[in-house]
Protein backbone atom coordinates (compact mmCIF):
# COMPACT_ATOMS: atom_id res chain seq x y z
CA MET A 1 13.71 1.71 15.13
CA SER A 2 17.01 1.86 13.29
CA PHE A 3 15.46 2.09 9.78
CA LYS A 4 13.25 4.88 8.46
CA ALA A 5 11.89 5.51 4.97
CA PHE A 6 10.62 8.63 3.19
CA PHE A 7 9.25 9.48 -0.24
CA LEU A 8 11.49 12.12 -1.81
CA GLU A 9 10.20 14.99 -3.89
CA GLU A 10 11.68 15.24 -7.37
CA SER A 11 13.65 18.35 -6.42
CA GLN A 12 15.17 16.87 -3.25
CA TYR A 13 18.90 16.32 -3.62
CA THR A 14 20.49 13.05 -2.58
CA ASP A 15 24.12 12.06 -2.52
CA SER A 16 24.99 10.58 -5.90
CA GLN A 17 27.19 8.04 -4.11
CA LEU A 18 24.20 6.41 -2.40
CA PRO A 19 23.41 2.95 -3.75
CA GLU A 20 20.14 2.65 -5.66
CA LYS A 21 17.78 -0.23 -6.31
CA ALA A 22 15.01 -0.26 -8.91
CA ILE A 23 11.61 -1.67 -7.98
CA ASN A 24 10.23 -2.39 -11.43
CA PRO A 25 8.03 -5.47 -11.92
CA PHE A 26 6.99 -4.16 -15.37
CA ALA A 27 10.11 -4.80 -17.50
CA GLU A 28 10.01 -2.50 -20.55
CA ARG A 29 6.56 -1.08 -19.70
CA GLY A 30 7.76 0.43 -16.40
CA VAL A 31 8.15 4.18 -16.00
CA PHE A 32 10.24 5.63 -13.17
CA ARG A 33 8.03 7.82 -10.94
CA LYS A 34 9.20 8.07 -7.29
CA ARG A 35 12.23 7.78 -5.05
CA VAL A 36 12.25 6.41 -1.52
CA LEU A 37 15.13 7.22 0.83
CA ILE A 38 15.93 4.56 3.42
CA THR A 39 18.00 5.69 6.39
CA HIS A 40 19.75 3.47 8.92
CA HIS A 41 20.50 5.03 12.31
CA ASN A 42 19.48 8.39 10.75
CA GLU A 43 22.13 8.13 8.02
CA PRO A 44 21.12 7.84 4.33
CA ALA A 45 21.64 4.22 3.28
CA LEU A 46 19.77 3.46 0.05
CA ILE A 47 17.53 4.98 -2.61
CA LEU A 48 14.69 2.89 -4.03
CA ARG A 49 13.53 3.90 -7.50
CA ILE A 50 9.82 3.09 -7.82
CA PHE A 51 8.35 2.37 -11.26
CA VAL A 52 4.71 2.15 -12.37
CA GLY A 53 3.14 0.33 -15.26
CA THR A 54 1.38 1.75 -18.28
CA ASP A 55 -1.78 0.67 -20.04
CA GLU A 56 -1.97 -0.32 -23.71
CA ASP A 57 -2.25 3.36 -24.69
CA GLY A 58 0.83 4.35 -22.68
CA PHE A 59 -1.04 6.06 -19.83
CA LEU A 60 0.48 5.70 -16.36
CA LEU A 61 -1.36 3.39 -13.97
CA GLU A 62 -1.05 5.57 -10.89
CA GLN A 63 -2.84 8.29 -8.97
CA CYS A 64 -2.13 10.53 -5.98
CA PHE A 65 -2.12 8.00 -3.11
CA SER A 66 1.03 6.35 -1.81
CA GLN A 67 2.22 5.12 1.56
CA LEU A 68 5.20 3.60 3.35
CA LEU A 69 4.98 1.38 6.42
CA LEU A 70 7.87 -0.53 7.97
CA ASN A 71 9.08 -2.71 10.79
CA SER A 72 12.60 -3.80 11.70
CA GLU A 73 12.86 -6.16 8.69
CA THR A 74 10.47 -5.07 5.92
CA LEU A 75 9.38 -1.88 4.17
CA ALA A 76 5.92 -1.97 2.56
CA ILE A 77 5.51 0.47 -0.33
CA LEU A 78 1.98 1.13 -1.60
CA TYR A 79 2.18 2.86 -4.97
CA GLY A 80 0.34 2.73 -8.28
CA GLN A 81 -1.44 -0.62 -8.33
CA HIS A 82 1.07 -2.55 -6.21
CA VAL A 83 2.26 -3.29 -2.73
CA HIS A 84 6.02 -3.85 -2.83
CA LEU A 85 7.62 -5.59 0.16
CA PHE A 86 11.30 -4.70 0.45
CA ASN A 87 13.49 -6.78 2.78
CA LEU A 88 15.79 -4.30 4.54
CA ALA A 89 18.60 -6.87 5.04
CA SER A 90 18.63 -8.87 1.79
CA HIS A 91 17.14 -6.14 -0.47
CA GLU A 92 14.79 -8.79 -1.92
CA VAL A 93 11.54 -7.37 -3.32
CA LYS A 94 8.16 -9.08 -3.49
CA SER A 95 5.61 -7.15 -5.55
CA HIS A 96 1.88 -7.83 -5.21
CA PHE A 97 -0.47 -6.60 -7.95
CA LEU A 98 -3.76 -5.21 -6.60
CA ASP A 99 -5.44 -4.67 -9.99
CA ASP A 100 -6.83 -1.33 -8.76
CA TYR A 101 -5.42 2.03 -7.69
CA ALA A 102 -3.70 2.09 -4.28
CA GLY A 103 -5.35 3.63 -1.23
CA ASP A 104 -3.91 3.02 2.23
CA LEU A 105 -2.11 0.49 4.44
CA TYR A 106 -3.45 -0.60 7.83
CA PRO A 107 -1.55 -2.80 10.32
CA VAL A 108 -3.48 -5.65 11.98
CA PRO A 109 -4.91 -5.71 14.61
CA ASP A 110 -4.20 -2.03 15.45
CA SER A 111 -5.18 -0.27 12.23
CA SER A 112 -3.87 3.08 13.52
CA SER A 113 -0.36 1.81 14.34
CA ALA A 114 2.67 3.22 12.52
CA TRP A 115 4.38 -0.21 12.69
CA LEU A 116 4.09 -2.75 9.83
CA SER A 117 2.60 -5.98 11.18
CA GLU A 118 3.08 -9.55 9.90
CA THR A 119 -0.35 -9.31 8.26
CA PHE A 120 -1.83 -6.00 7.19
CA LEU A 121 -4.67 -4.55 5.15
CA ALA A 122 -4.18 -2.71 1.88
CA THR A 123 -7.09 -0.76 0.43
CA THR A 124 -7.63 0.37 -3.12
CA PHE A 125 -10.35 2.52 -4.64
CA CYS A 126 -12.70 -0.53 -4.63
CA TYR A 127 -11.32 -3.40 -2.52
CA THR A 128 -9.71 -4.39 0.75
CA PHE A 129 -6.87 -6.94 0.76
CA LEU A 130 -5.36 -8.94 3.62
CA ILE A 131 -1.65 -9.40 2.92
CA SER A 132 0.94 -11.48 4.76
CA LEU A 133 4.62 -10.56 4.64
CA ASP A 134 5.44 -14.25 4.04
CA LYS A 135 2.46 -15.56 2.05
CA GLY A 136 1.43 -12.53 -0.01
CA ILE A 137 -2.22 -11.77 -0.73
CA ILE A 138 -4.44 -13.93 1.50
CA TRP A 139 -7.78 -12.58 0.29
CA ARG A 140 -9.45 -9.78 -1.63
CA SER A 141 -12.84 -8.55 -0.44
CA ALA A 142 -15.93 -8.08 -2.54
CA GLN A 143 -16.27 -4.55 -3.88
CA CYS A 144 -16.64 -2.12 -0.95
CA ALA A 145 -16.58 1.19 -2.87
CA ILE A 146 -15.95 2.86 -6.22
CA ASP A 147 -13.75 5.77 -5.10
CA GLY A 148 -11.92 4.94 -1.89
CA ILE A 149 -12.02 2.96 1.34
CA VAL A 150 -11.26 3.94 4.91
CA ILE A 151 -10.71 1.31 7.61
CA ASN A 152 -12.06 2.65 10.89
CA ASP A 153 -11.44 -0.25 13.28
CA ILE A 154 -10.66 -3.94 13.60
CA ARG A 155 -12.16 -5.81 16.55
CA GLU A 156 -13.43 -9.29 17.35
CA GLU A 157 -12.34 -10.57 13.91
CA VAL A 158 -14.42 -7.93 12.10
CA ILE A 159 -13.09 -5.08 9.92
CA TYR A 160 -15.19 -1.92 10.13
CA GLY A 161 -14.80 0.49 7.25
CA SER A 162 -16.48 2.96 4.93
CA GLY A 163 -16.52 3.00 1.15
CA GLU A 164 -17.28 5.92 -1.12
CA TRP A 165 -20.01 4.95 -3.62
CA ASP A 166 -21.25 8.37 -4.78
CA PRO A 167 -18.40 10.90 -4.81
CA PRO A 168 -17.96 13.32 -3.40
CA GLY A 169 -19.17 12.38 0.05
CA GLY A 170 -21.45 9.39 -0.57
CA TRP A 171 -19.89 7.01 1.96
CA ARG A 172 -21.44 3.71 3.09
CA PRO A 173 -20.26 1.77 6.15
CA PHE A 174 -19.34 -1.90 5.74
CA MET A 175 -18.12 -4.84 7.80
CA LEU A 176 -15.79 -7.59 6.55
CA SER A 177 -14.79 -10.92 8.08
CA MET A 178 -11.14 -10.75 9.10
CA ALA A 179 -10.75 -14.48 8.41
CA THR A 180 -12.18 -14.57 4.88
CA GLY A 181 -12.72 -11.01 3.65
CA GLU A 182 -16.39 -11.80 3.07
CA LEU A 183 -18.79 -8.89 3.27
CA ILE A 184 -20.82 -9.20 6.49
CA ASN A 185 -22.83 -6.03 6.08
CA ILE A 186 -22.99 -2.92 3.96
CA GLY A 187 -24.96 0.05 5.26
CA SER A 188 -26.92 2.81 3.64
CA MET A 189 -25.43 6.01 2.27
CA GLU A 190 -24.03 8.43 4.88
CA GLN A 191 -24.94 12.07 4.36
């Protein structure tokens, strides 16, 4: 893969000559929070400046989870309450609001792959989303948790996951339809 992407710590130096692009779907309410370095053939190529929104009281709408996943054409950035899809050639950005705090990204059908697929799952604290690189959000599941979701497997058009309902440690297994996101089953609390 000729492109790679990394979140940079605040203290990490980058060449001031590198081009930068802001990812800020919030206009005046956006607050700069993170930098992403994109390399091409292992050479620094671009810095993305990631912004988050604020609520009506000025509090940041973010938490500790963030993730990057890419393929040869697109970088998916999960941060705050959004999935941002950055086209590596055109630098076009499509931002998708999840209306909940970000969790993890999972390629489809191999949820453990490190390669961004055409459709992928994004989880938040409460929901699972199926997202297409071209079409955006295809569906949002019913509530699967209150404090985090883990996708364990995808097979035979069923998503197998666990949602935390009673933190810390009160996880319940669930199954979702891959086609519709409908809840097929939710299990009892795991101890």
